[in-house]
Amino acid sequence: MNIFARGASRPQDFISHDLPPGHDTVWGWAAKWSPDDLTNVSDPVRSFAQETSELTQRSAAEGYSVVDVEAPRALRALGYTKVPAFDTQLLFMASRS
C-alpha cells in the first residue's frame, strides 16, 4: 500500500500535534528525523505497525510510558483515529540500533 498515492505527500502529514512533552509517534519521528523512511519502505503501514508493536513491548519491559494520541492527517485518511506515542528517549535509542 502506498500511502502517498492516497493524498499524503508531505512529511508534515505524518506528525501528530497533540503530543505530551517528551513523546512522539513512530510516524512523526520518521517524518522529522528521517523522512525518506516514509517513502523508501515498500509497505510502510506494515513496517511501522511492526515497529510500533516492538516499541510497545520494549516500553513495557523497560518502564517507558506510552500514550494514545490523535492520529496524524495521513493516517486518519486510512481510517486510524488514535496512535501510540512513545517516550522520545526510547525512540532515539531505537533509531540508533
N, C-alpha and C. Protein backbone atom coordinates (compact mmCIF):
# COMPACT_ATOMS: atom_id res chain seq x y z
N MET A 1 0.84 -1.17 0.00
CA MET A 1 0.00 0.00 0.00
C MET A 1 0.89 1.24 0.00
N ASN A 2 0.67 2.12 -0.91
CA ASN A 2 1.43 3.35 -0.97
C ASN A 2 0.59 4.47 -0.37
N ILE A 3 0.98 4.92 0.82
CA ILE A 3 0.20 5.95 1.48
C ILE A 3 0.30 7.29 0.77
N PHE A 4 1.34 7.49 -0.01
CA PHE A 4 1.47 8.74 -0.73
C PHE A 4 0.50 8.80 -1.90
N ALA A 5 0.11 7.67 -2.42
CA ALA A 5 -0.87 7.64 -3.51
C ALA A 5 -2.26 8.01 -3.00
N ARG A 6 -2.45 7.98 -1.71
CA ARG A 6 -3.76 8.28 -1.13
C ARG A 6 -3.88 9.75 -0.72
N GLY A 7 -2.94 10.60 -1.15
CA GLY A 7 -3.07 12.03 -0.92
C GLY A 7 -2.12 12.62 0.11
N ALA A 8 -1.41 11.83 0.86
CA ALA A 8 -0.46 12.35 1.84
C ALA A 8 0.90 12.40 1.19
N SER A 9 1.37 13.58 0.91
CA SER A 9 2.62 13.68 0.18
C SER A 9 3.69 14.47 0.90
N ARG A 10 3.40 14.93 2.10
CA ARG A 10 4.38 15.72 2.83
C ARG A 10 4.68 15.07 4.17
N PRO A 11 5.92 15.13 4.61
CA PRO A 11 6.23 14.57 5.93
C PRO A 11 5.36 15.17 7.05
N GLN A 12 4.98 16.42 6.93
CA GLN A 12 4.16 17.07 7.96
C GLN A 12 2.82 16.35 8.15
N ASP A 13 2.35 15.67 7.12
CA ASP A 13 1.08 14.96 7.21
C ASP A 13 1.13 13.77 8.17
N PHE A 14 2.32 13.40 8.60
CA PHE A 14 2.51 12.25 9.48
C PHE A 14 2.79 12.64 10.92
N ILE A 15 2.73 13.93 11.21
CA ILE A 15 3.06 14.43 12.54
C ILE A 15 1.77 14.68 13.33
N SER A 16 1.66 14.04 14.49
CA SER A 16 0.55 14.32 15.41
C SER A 16 0.87 15.59 16.17
N HIS A 17 -0.17 16.37 16.45
CA HIS A 17 0.07 17.67 17.06
C HIS A 17 -0.37 17.79 18.51
N ASP A 18 -0.95 16.76 19.08
CA ASP A 18 -1.39 16.83 20.48
C ASP A 18 -0.51 15.97 21.38
N LEU A 19 0.78 16.00 21.13
CA LEU A 19 1.71 15.13 21.85
C LEU A 19 2.05 15.69 23.23
N PRO A 20 2.08 14.82 24.24
CA PRO A 20 2.57 15.28 25.53
C PRO A 20 4.09 15.50 25.45
N PRO A 21 4.63 16.36 26.29
CA PRO A 21 6.08 16.60 26.26
C PRO A 21 6.87 15.31 26.39
N GLY A 22 7.93 15.18 25.60
CA GLY A 22 8.81 14.02 25.68
C GLY A 22 8.30 12.79 24.97
N HIS A 23 7.27 12.93 24.13
CA HIS A 23 6.69 11.80 23.40
C HIS A 23 6.56 12.12 21.92
N ASP A 24 6.58 11.08 21.11
CA ASP A 24 6.32 11.22 19.68
C ASP A 24 5.85 9.87 19.16
N THR A 25 5.22 9.90 18.00
CA THR A 25 4.78 8.67 17.36
C THR A 25 5.90 8.16 16.46
N VAL A 26 5.83 6.92 16.07
CA VAL A 26 6.81 6.35 15.14
C VAL A 26 6.74 7.14 13.82
N TRP A 27 5.52 7.45 13.39
CA TRP A 27 5.34 8.19 12.13
C TRP A 27 5.91 9.58 12.23
N GLY A 28 5.61 10.29 13.32
CA GLY A 28 6.10 11.65 13.50
C GLY A 28 7.61 11.70 13.62
N TRP A 29 8.17 10.74 14.34
CA TRP A 29 9.62 10.67 14.49
C TRP A 29 10.28 10.49 13.13
N ALA A 30 9.74 9.60 12.34
CA ALA A 30 10.30 9.38 10.99
C ALA A 30 10.15 10.64 10.14
N ALA A 31 9.00 11.29 10.21
CA ALA A 31 8.77 12.49 9.41
C ALA A 31 9.76 13.60 9.76
N LYS A 32 10.10 13.69 11.04
CA LYS A 32 11.00 14.75 11.50
C LYS A 32 12.48 14.42 11.28
N TRP A 33 12.86 13.16 11.52
CA TRP A 33 14.28 12.82 11.57
C TRP A 33 14.77 11.97 10.40
N SER A 34 13.89 11.28 9.71
CA SER A 34 14.31 10.51 8.53
C SER A 34 13.13 10.35 7.58
N PRO A 35 12.71 11.44 6.96
CA PRO A 35 11.52 11.39 6.10
C PRO A 35 11.63 10.41 4.94
N ASP A 36 12.84 10.05 4.54
CA ASP A 36 12.99 9.06 3.48
C ASP A 36 12.41 7.71 3.88
N ASP A 37 12.36 7.44 5.19
CA ASP A 37 11.77 6.18 5.66
C ASP A 37 10.29 6.09 5.31
N LEU A 38 9.65 7.22 5.12
CA LEU A 38 8.22 7.22 4.78
C LEU A 38 7.98 6.83 3.33
N THR A 39 8.97 7.05 2.48
CA THR A 39 8.79 6.77 1.05
C THR A 39 9.61 5.60 0.54
N ASN A 40 10.66 5.21 1.26
CA ASN A 40 11.56 4.16 0.78
C ASN A 40 11.18 2.76 1.24
N VAL A 41 10.13 2.64 2.03
CA VAL A 41 9.69 1.34 2.52
C VAL A 41 8.57 0.84 1.60
N SER A 42 8.67 -0.42 1.18
CA SER A 42 7.68 -0.94 0.24
C SER A 42 6.27 -1.00 0.83
N ASP A 43 6.14 -1.30 2.10
CA ASP A 43 4.84 -1.34 2.76
C ASP A 43 4.96 -0.61 4.10
N PRO A 44 4.91 0.73 4.07
CA PRO A 44 5.15 1.48 5.30
C PRO A 44 4.14 1.20 6.41
N VAL A 45 2.90 0.94 6.07
CA VAL A 45 1.91 0.66 7.11
C VAL A 45 2.30 -0.59 7.89
N ARG A 46 2.63 -1.65 7.18
CA ARG A 46 3.04 -2.90 7.85
C ARG A 46 4.36 -2.70 8.60
N SER A 47 5.31 -2.05 7.98
CA SER A 47 6.61 -1.83 8.61
C SER A 47 6.48 -1.02 9.90
N PHE A 48 5.71 0.07 9.85
CA PHE A 48 5.55 0.90 11.03
C PHE A 48 4.68 0.20 12.08
N ALA A 49 3.74 -0.63 11.66
CA ALA A 49 2.94 -1.40 12.63
C ALA A 49 3.83 -2.37 13.39
N GLN A 50 4.75 -3.00 12.69
CA GLN A 50 5.69 -3.93 13.35
C GLN A 50 6.58 -3.17 14.32
N GLU A 51 7.09 -2.03 13.89
CA GLU A 51 7.95 -1.23 14.76
C GLU A 51 7.18 -0.73 15.98
N THR A 52 5.92 -0.34 15.78
CA THR A 52 5.08 0.11 16.88
C THR A 52 4.87 -1.02 17.89
N SER A 53 4.63 -2.21 17.40
CA SER A 53 4.44 -3.36 18.28
C SER A 53 5.71 -3.63 19.10
N GLU A 54 6.85 -3.60 18.44
CA GLU A 54 8.12 -3.83 19.13
C GLU A 54 8.38 -2.76 20.19
N LEU A 55 8.10 -1.50 19.85
CA LEU A 55 8.32 -0.41 20.80
C LEU A 55 7.34 -0.48 21.97
N THR A 56 6.12 -0.95 21.73
CA THR A 56 5.16 -1.12 22.81
C THR A 56 5.67 -2.16 23.80
N GLN A 57 6.17 -3.27 23.30
CA GLN A 57 6.71 -4.32 24.16
C GLN A 57 7.95 -3.82 24.91
N ARG A 58 8.81 -3.13 24.21
CA ARG A 58 10.03 -2.61 24.84
C ARG A 58 9.69 -1.56 25.89
N SER A 59 8.70 -0.72 25.62
CA SER A 59 8.29 0.29 26.60
C SER A 59 7.83 -0.37 27.89
N ALA A 60 7.02 -1.42 27.76
CA ALA A 60 6.52 -2.13 28.94
C ALA A 60 7.68 -2.78 29.70
N ALA A 61 8.58 -3.39 28.99
CA ALA A 61 9.69 -4.11 29.62
C ALA A 61 10.68 -3.16 30.30
N GLU A 62 10.85 -1.96 29.72
CA GLU A 62 11.87 -1.05 30.24
C GLU A 62 11.30 0.13 31.02
N GLY A 63 9.98 0.15 31.20
CA GLY A 63 9.35 1.17 32.03
C GLY A 63 9.14 2.52 31.38
N TYR A 64 9.09 2.57 30.06
CA TYR A 64 8.81 3.83 29.36
C TYR A 64 7.30 4.00 29.20
N SER A 65 6.86 5.24 29.20
CA SER A 65 5.44 5.49 29.05
C SER A 65 5.03 5.50 27.58
N VAL A 66 3.78 5.10 27.37
CA VAL A 66 3.16 5.12 26.04
C VAL A 66 1.79 5.75 26.23
N VAL A 67 1.46 6.72 25.38
CA VAL A 67 0.15 7.36 25.45
C VAL A 67 -0.49 7.35 24.07
N ASP A 68 -1.80 7.25 24.04
CA ASP A 68 -2.52 7.32 22.76
C ASP A 68 -2.79 8.79 22.43
N VAL A 69 -2.55 9.14 21.17
CA VAL A 69 -2.78 10.49 20.69
C VAL A 69 -3.58 10.42 19.39
N GLU A 70 -4.11 11.55 18.98
CA GLU A 70 -4.85 11.59 17.72
C GLU A 70 -3.91 11.25 16.56
N ALA A 71 -4.39 10.41 15.67
CA ALA A 71 -3.60 10.03 14.50
C ALA A 71 -3.35 11.26 13.62
N PRO A 72 -2.19 11.31 12.98
CA PRO A 72 -1.93 12.42 12.07
C PRO A 72 -2.82 12.33 10.83
N ARG A 73 -2.88 13.41 10.09
CA ARG A 73 -3.77 13.52 8.93
C ARG A 73 -3.61 12.34 7.96
N ALA A 74 -2.39 11.95 7.67
CA ALA A 74 -2.15 10.87 6.71
C ALA A 74 -2.75 9.55 7.18
N LEU A 75 -2.71 9.30 8.47
CA LEU A 75 -3.26 8.04 8.99
C LEU A 75 -4.76 8.13 9.21
N ARG A 76 -5.27 9.31 9.51
CA ARG A 76 -6.73 9.46 9.60
C ARG A 76 -7.36 9.16 8.25
N ALA A 77 -6.66 9.52 7.17
CA ALA A 77 -7.17 9.23 5.82
C ALA A 77 -7.27 7.73 5.57
N LEU A 78 -6.51 6.93 6.33
CA LEU A 78 -6.54 5.48 6.20
C LEU A 78 -7.48 4.83 7.22
N GLY A 79 -8.15 5.66 8.04
CA GLY A 79 -9.11 5.13 8.99
C GLY A 79 -8.64 5.05 10.42
N TYR A 80 -7.40 5.42 10.71
CA TYR A 80 -6.89 5.40 12.08
C TYR A 80 -7.40 6.64 12.82
N THR A 81 -7.74 6.48 14.08
CA THR A 81 -8.14 7.63 14.88
C THR A 81 -7.10 7.95 15.96
N LYS A 82 -6.52 6.91 16.52
CA LYS A 82 -5.50 7.07 17.58
C LYS A 82 -4.27 6.25 17.22
N VAL A 83 -3.11 6.73 17.66
CA VAL A 83 -1.85 6.00 17.51
C VAL A 83 -1.06 6.17 18.80
N PRO A 84 -0.18 5.22 19.12
CA PRO A 84 0.61 5.36 20.34
C PRO A 84 1.76 6.34 20.14
N ALA A 85 2.03 7.10 21.19
CA ALA A 85 3.19 7.98 21.22
C ALA A 85 4.13 7.44 22.29
N PHE A 86 5.39 7.34 21.93
CA PHE A 86 6.40 6.74 22.79
C PHE A 86 7.33 7.80 23.38
N ASP A 87 7.96 7.45 24.46
CA ASP A 87 8.97 8.31 25.07
C ASP A 87 10.07 8.56 24.03
N THR A 88 10.46 9.81 23.86
CA THR A 88 11.45 10.13 22.82
C THR A 88 12.82 9.54 23.12
N GLN A 89 13.12 9.28 24.39
CA GLN A 89 14.39 8.61 24.71
C GLN A 89 14.42 7.22 24.09
N LEU A 90 13.30 6.51 24.18
CA LEU A 90 13.21 5.18 23.59
C LEU A 90 13.28 5.27 22.07
N LEU A 91 12.58 6.24 21.47
CA LEU A 91 12.63 6.40 20.01
C LEU A 91 14.06 6.70 19.55
N PHE A 92 14.77 7.53 20.31
CA PHE A 92 16.14 7.84 19.95
C PHE A 92 17.01 6.59 20.01
N MET A 93 16.89 5.83 21.10
CA MET A 93 17.69 4.61 21.23
C MET A 93 17.35 3.61 20.11
N ALA A 94 16.07 3.46 19.81
CA ALA A 94 15.67 2.52 18.76
C ALA A 94 16.17 2.96 17.40
N SER A 95 16.22 4.26 17.15
CA SER A 95 16.68 4.75 15.85
C SER A 95 18.18 4.56 15.68
N ARG A 96 18.90 4.36 16.76
CA ARG A 96 20.35 4.16 16.70
C ARG A 96 20.74 2.69 16.60
N SER A 97 19.75 1.81 16.79
CA SER A 97 20.10 0.37 16.76
C SER A 97 19.76 -0.25 15.42
